[in-house]
């Protein structure tokens, strides 16, 4: 698993959080920090005070289109393609 990363856009420094979410990153009041992590929305934070803050990141959601199951029979995908029957499970 990749740990969340932080970039300071003002001084071009970057870091990763540890396994408990803590990090150290050189910054000063007014710096713009970018927070990013796999499966979470990228977020920005303007540093307004130099004390510990807790930030919650929003998960990325990917909504799939509705699928329609035509039949419940399945095909053996391990057989060579030439010996398969017509696909019996289709999602549109």
N, C-alpha and C. Protein backbone atom coordinates (compact mmCIF):
# COMPACT_ATOMS: atom_id res chain seq x y z
N UNK A 1 0.84 -1.18 0.00
CA UNK A 1 0.00 0.00 0.00
C UNK A 1 0.88 1.24 0.00
N UNK A 2 0.54 2.21 -0.83
CA UNK A 2 1.28 3.46 -0.85
C UNK A 2 0.72 4.40 0.21
N UNK A 3 1.61 5.03 0.98
CA UNK A 3 1.17 5.96 2.01
C UNK A 3 0.81 7.29 1.36
N UNK A 4 -0.10 8.04 1.98
CA UNK A 4 -0.43 9.36 1.44
C UNK A 4 0.81 10.25 1.35
N UNK A 5 0.86 11.04 0.30
CA UNK A 5 1.98 11.94 0.09
C UNK A 5 1.55 13.39 0.23
N UNK A 6 2.52 14.23 0.55
CA UNK A 6 2.28 15.66 0.67
C UNK A 6 3.35 16.42 -0.08
N UNK A 7 2.92 17.45 -0.79
CA UNK A 7 3.84 18.33 -1.50
C UNK A 7 3.63 19.74 -0.99
N UNK A 8 4.72 20.45 -0.76
CA UNK A 8 4.66 21.87 -0.44
C UNK A 8 4.96 22.58 -1.76
N UNK A 9 3.95 23.22 -2.33
CA UNK A 9 4.13 23.86 -3.64
C UNK A 9 5.00 25.10 -3.56
N UNK A 10 5.15 25.70 -2.39
CA UNK A 10 5.97 26.90 -2.27
C UNK A 10 7.46 26.59 -2.26
N UNK A 11 7.87 25.58 -1.47
CA UNK A 11 9.31 25.29 -1.40
C UNK A 11 9.70 24.02 -2.16
N UNK A 12 8.72 23.41 -2.86
CA UNK A 12 8.97 22.22 -3.71
C UNK A 12 9.43 21.00 -2.91
N UNK A 13 9.18 20.95 -1.61
CA UNK A 13 9.53 19.78 -0.79
C UNK A 13 8.37 18.80 -0.81
N UNK A 14 8.69 17.51 -0.63
CA UNK A 14 7.66 16.47 -0.64
C UNK A 14 7.99 15.43 0.42
N UNK A 15 6.96 14.73 0.90
CA UNK A 15 7.16 13.69 1.90
C UNK A 15 6.01 12.70 1.84
N UNK A 16 6.16 11.59 2.54
CA UNK A 16 5.11 10.60 2.71
C UNK A 16 4.77 10.51 4.19
N UNK A 17 3.51 10.14 4.48
CA UNK A 17 3.16 9.93 5.88
C UNK A 17 3.70 8.58 6.34
N UNK A 18 3.81 8.41 7.66
CA UNK A 18 4.20 7.10 8.18
C UNK A 18 2.94 6.24 8.34
N UNK A 19 3.08 5.06 8.93
CA UNK A 19 1.93 4.15 9.02
C UNK A 19 0.82 4.62 9.95
N UNK A 20 1.07 5.67 10.72
CA UNK A 20 0.00 6.23 11.56
C UNK A 20 -0.52 7.55 11.00
N UNK A 21 -0.03 7.95 9.83
CA UNK A 21 -0.51 9.17 9.18
C UNK A 21 0.25 10.42 9.55
N UNK A 22 1.29 10.32 10.37
CA UNK A 22 2.08 11.49 10.75
C UNK A 22 3.17 11.77 9.71
N UNK A 23 3.56 13.02 9.62
CA UNK A 23 4.60 13.40 8.67
C UNK A 23 5.32 14.65 9.15
N UNK A 24 6.48 14.87 8.57
CA UNK A 24 7.23 16.10 8.79
C UNK A 24 7.54 16.69 7.42
N UNK A 25 7.25 17.97 7.26
CA UNK A 25 7.46 18.64 5.98
C UNK A 25 7.81 20.10 6.26
N UNK A 26 8.96 20.57 5.75
CA UNK A 26 9.30 21.98 5.95
C UNK A 26 8.23 22.88 5.34
N UNK A 27 7.74 23.84 6.13
CA UNK A 27 6.68 24.74 5.66
C UNK A 27 6.63 25.97 6.55
N UNK A 28 5.96 27.00 6.04
CA UNK A 28 5.72 28.20 6.83
C UNK A 28 4.29 28.67 6.57
N UNK A 29 3.80 29.54 7.43
CA UNK A 29 2.43 30.04 7.27
C UNK A 29 2.27 30.65 5.88
N UNK A 30 1.17 30.29 5.22
CA UNK A 30 0.89 30.78 3.87
C UNK A 30 1.26 29.78 2.78
N UNK A 31 2.03 28.74 3.12
CA UNK A 31 2.41 27.74 2.12
C UNK A 31 1.19 26.92 1.71
N UNK A 32 1.19 26.48 0.47
CA UNK A 32 0.13 25.65 -0.08
C UNK A 32 0.60 24.21 -0.12
N UNK A 33 -0.11 23.34 0.61
CA UNK A 33 0.23 21.92 0.67
C UNK A 33 -0.78 21.13 -0.17
N UNK A 34 -0.28 20.13 -0.88
CA UNK A 34 -1.14 19.24 -1.67
C UNK A 34 -1.06 17.86 -1.03
N UNK A 35 -2.22 17.30 -0.72
CA UNK A 35 -2.31 15.97 -0.11
C UNK A 35 -2.85 15.02 -1.16
N UNK A 36 -2.18 13.86 -1.32
CA UNK A 36 -2.65 12.90 -2.31
C UNK A 36 -2.37 11.48 -1.85
N UNK A 37 -3.29 10.58 -2.23
CA UNK A 37 -3.15 9.17 -1.88
C UNK A 37 -3.97 8.36 -2.87
N UNK A 38 -3.54 7.15 -3.12
CA UNK A 38 -4.25 6.26 -4.02
C UNK A 38 -5.69 6.06 -3.52
N UNK A 39 -6.65 6.17 -4.42
CA UNK A 39 -8.08 5.97 -4.15
C UNK A 39 -8.71 7.09 -3.31
N UNK A 40 -8.01 8.25 -3.20
CA UNK A 40 -8.57 9.41 -2.50
C UNK A 40 -8.45 10.63 -3.40
N UNK A 41 -9.37 11.57 -3.23
CA UNK A 41 -9.33 12.80 -4.00
C UNK A 41 -8.15 13.65 -3.54
N UNK A 42 -7.46 14.25 -4.51
CA UNK A 42 -6.37 15.17 -4.19
C UNK A 42 -6.99 16.38 -3.49
N UNK A 43 -6.32 16.87 -2.47
CA UNK A 43 -6.83 18.01 -1.71
C UNK A 43 -5.70 19.00 -1.49
N UNK A 44 -6.05 20.26 -1.28
CA UNK A 44 -5.06 21.29 -1.00
C UNK A 44 -5.38 21.93 0.35
N UNK A 45 -4.34 22.45 0.97
CA UNK A 45 -4.48 23.06 2.29
C UNK A 45 -3.53 24.25 2.36
N UNK A 46 -4.05 25.41 2.70
CA UNK A 46 -3.21 26.58 2.95
C UNK A 46 -2.88 26.58 4.43
N UNK A 47 -1.60 26.60 4.75
CA UNK A 47 -1.16 26.55 6.13
C UNK A 47 -1.42 27.90 6.80
N UNK A 48 -2.31 27.89 7.81
CA UNK A 48 -2.67 29.15 8.49
C UNK A 48 -2.13 29.23 9.90
N UNK A 49 -1.73 28.09 10.45
CA UNK A 49 -1.13 28.08 11.79
C UNK A 49 -0.18 26.90 11.88
N UNK A 50 0.80 27.02 12.75
CA UNK A 50 1.87 26.02 12.83
C UNK A 50 1.65 25.05 13.99
N UNK A 51 0.45 24.50 14.09
CA UNK A 51 0.21 23.50 15.11
C UNK A 51 -0.37 22.24 14.43
N UNK A 52 -0.44 21.17 15.20
CA UNK A 52 -0.92 19.90 14.67
C UNK A 52 -2.37 20.02 14.22
N UNK A 53 -2.65 19.49 13.02
CA UNK A 53 -4.00 19.52 12.49
C UNK A 53 -4.35 18.13 11.97
N UNK A 54 -5.62 17.78 12.04
CA UNK A 54 -6.07 16.51 11.51
C UNK A 54 -6.86 16.78 10.23
N UNK A 55 -6.51 16.06 9.18
CA UNK A 55 -7.16 16.24 7.88
C UNK A 55 -7.75 14.91 7.45
N UNK A 56 -8.98 14.92 6.99
CA UNK A 56 -9.63 13.71 6.48
C UNK A 56 -9.78 13.83 4.98
N UNK A 57 -9.30 12.82 4.27
CA UNK A 57 -9.37 12.83 2.82
C UNK A 57 -10.62 12.10 2.35
N UNK A 58 -11.18 12.56 1.23
CA UNK A 58 -12.39 11.98 0.65
C UNK A 58 -12.02 10.84 -0.30
N UNK A 59 -12.64 9.67 -0.14
CA UNK A 59 -12.35 8.58 -1.07
C UNK A 59 -12.90 8.89 -2.46
N UNK A 60 -12.21 8.40 -3.47
CA UNK A 60 -12.68 8.52 -4.85
C UNK A 60 -13.73 7.44 -5.05
N UNK A 61 -14.85 7.81 -5.61
CA UNK A 61 -15.87 6.82 -5.92
C UNK A 61 -16.04 6.74 -7.43
N UNK A 62 -16.08 5.53 -7.93
CA UNK A 62 -16.30 5.29 -9.36
C UNK A 62 -17.60 4.52 -9.50
N UNK A 63 -18.61 5.19 -10.01
CA UNK A 63 -19.90 4.53 -10.19
C UNK A 63 -19.95 3.90 -11.57
N UNK A 64 -20.24 2.63 -11.61
CA UNK A 64 -20.32 1.91 -12.87
C UNK A 64 -21.71 2.06 -13.46
N UNK A 65 -21.79 1.94 -14.79
CA UNK A 65 -23.09 1.94 -15.45
C UNK A 65 -23.86 0.69 -15.04
N UNK A 66 -25.17 0.79 -15.10
CA UNK A 66 -26.02 -0.35 -14.74
C UNK A 66 -25.76 -1.49 -15.72
N UNK A 67 -25.72 -2.70 -15.20
CA UNK A 67 -25.55 -3.88 -16.04
C UNK A 67 -26.82 -4.71 -16.02
N UNK A 68 -27.09 -5.39 -17.11
CA UNK A 68 -28.24 -6.28 -17.19
C UNK A 68 -27.75 -7.70 -17.39
N UNK A 69 -28.15 -8.61 -16.52
CA UNK A 69 -27.76 -10.01 -16.64
C UNK A 69 -28.80 -10.69 -17.52
N UNK A 70 -28.33 -11.26 -18.63
CA UNK A 70 -29.23 -11.90 -19.60
C UNK A 70 -29.49 -13.35 -19.20
N UNK A 71 -28.49 -14.02 -18.69
CA UNK A 71 -28.62 -15.41 -18.27
C UNK A 71 -27.66 -15.68 -17.13
N UNK A 72 -27.85 -16.76 -16.43
CA UNK A 72 -26.97 -17.06 -15.32
C UNK A 72 -25.95 -18.13 -15.67
N UNK A 73 -25.96 -18.64 -16.91
CA UNK A 73 -24.97 -19.63 -17.32
C UNK A 73 -23.64 -18.92 -17.57
N UNK A 74 -22.56 -19.60 -17.30
CA UNK A 74 -21.25 -19.02 -17.54
C UNK A 74 -20.46 -19.88 -18.51
N UNK A 75 -19.38 -19.35 -19.03
CA UNK A 75 -18.51 -20.11 -19.92
C UNK A 75 -17.20 -20.40 -19.21
N UNK A 76 -16.52 -21.41 -19.64
CA UNK A 76 -15.22 -21.75 -19.07
C UNK A 76 -14.17 -20.94 -19.82
N UNK A 77 -13.65 -19.91 -19.19
CA UNK A 77 -12.68 -19.03 -19.85
C UNK A 77 -11.31 -19.68 -19.96
N UNK A 78 -11.11 -20.82 -19.30
CA UNK A 78 -9.82 -21.49 -19.38
C UNK A 78 -9.70 -22.35 -20.63
N UNK A 79 -10.82 -22.67 -21.26
CA UNK A 79 -10.76 -23.44 -22.51
C UNK A 79 -10.26 -22.54 -23.63
N UNK A 80 -9.60 -23.12 -24.63
CA UNK A 80 -9.19 -22.32 -25.79
C UNK A 80 -10.41 -21.67 -26.44
N UNK A 81 -10.23 -20.47 -26.96
CA UNK A 81 -11.33 -19.69 -27.51
C UNK A 81 -12.09 -20.46 -28.59
N UNK A 82 -11.40 -21.20 -29.43
CA UNK A 82 -12.04 -21.92 -30.52
C UNK A 82 -13.02 -22.97 -30.01
N UNK A 83 -12.82 -23.52 -28.81
CA UNK A 83 -13.70 -24.58 -28.31
C UNK A 83 -14.80 -24.05 -27.39
N UNK A 84 -14.86 -22.74 -27.19
CA UNK A 84 -15.90 -22.17 -26.33
C UNK A 84 -17.22 -22.09 -27.09
N UNK A 85 -18.30 -22.15 -26.32
CA UNK A 85 -19.61 -21.89 -26.90
C UNK A 85 -19.86 -20.39 -26.84
N UNK A 86 -20.97 -19.97 -27.38
CA UNK A 86 -21.31 -18.55 -27.35
C UNK A 86 -21.37 -18.08 -25.90
N UNK A 87 -20.88 -16.90 -25.67
CA UNK A 87 -20.90 -16.35 -24.30
C UNK A 87 -22.33 -16.28 -23.81
N UNK A 88 -22.58 -16.87 -22.66
CA UNK A 88 -23.92 -16.91 -22.10
C UNK A 88 -24.14 -15.86 -21.02
N UNK A 89 -23.09 -15.19 -20.61
CA UNK A 89 -23.23 -14.16 -19.59
C UNK A 89 -22.77 -12.85 -20.22
N UNK A 90 -23.70 -11.94 -20.35
CA UNK A 90 -23.37 -10.67 -21.00
C UNK A 90 -23.82 -9.53 -20.10
N UNK A 91 -23.01 -8.53 -20.01
CA UNK A 91 -23.39 -7.32 -19.27
C UNK A 91 -23.26 -6.16 -20.24
N UNK A 92 -24.32 -5.40 -20.35
CA UNK A 92 -24.31 -4.25 -21.26
C UNK A 92 -24.35 -2.96 -20.49
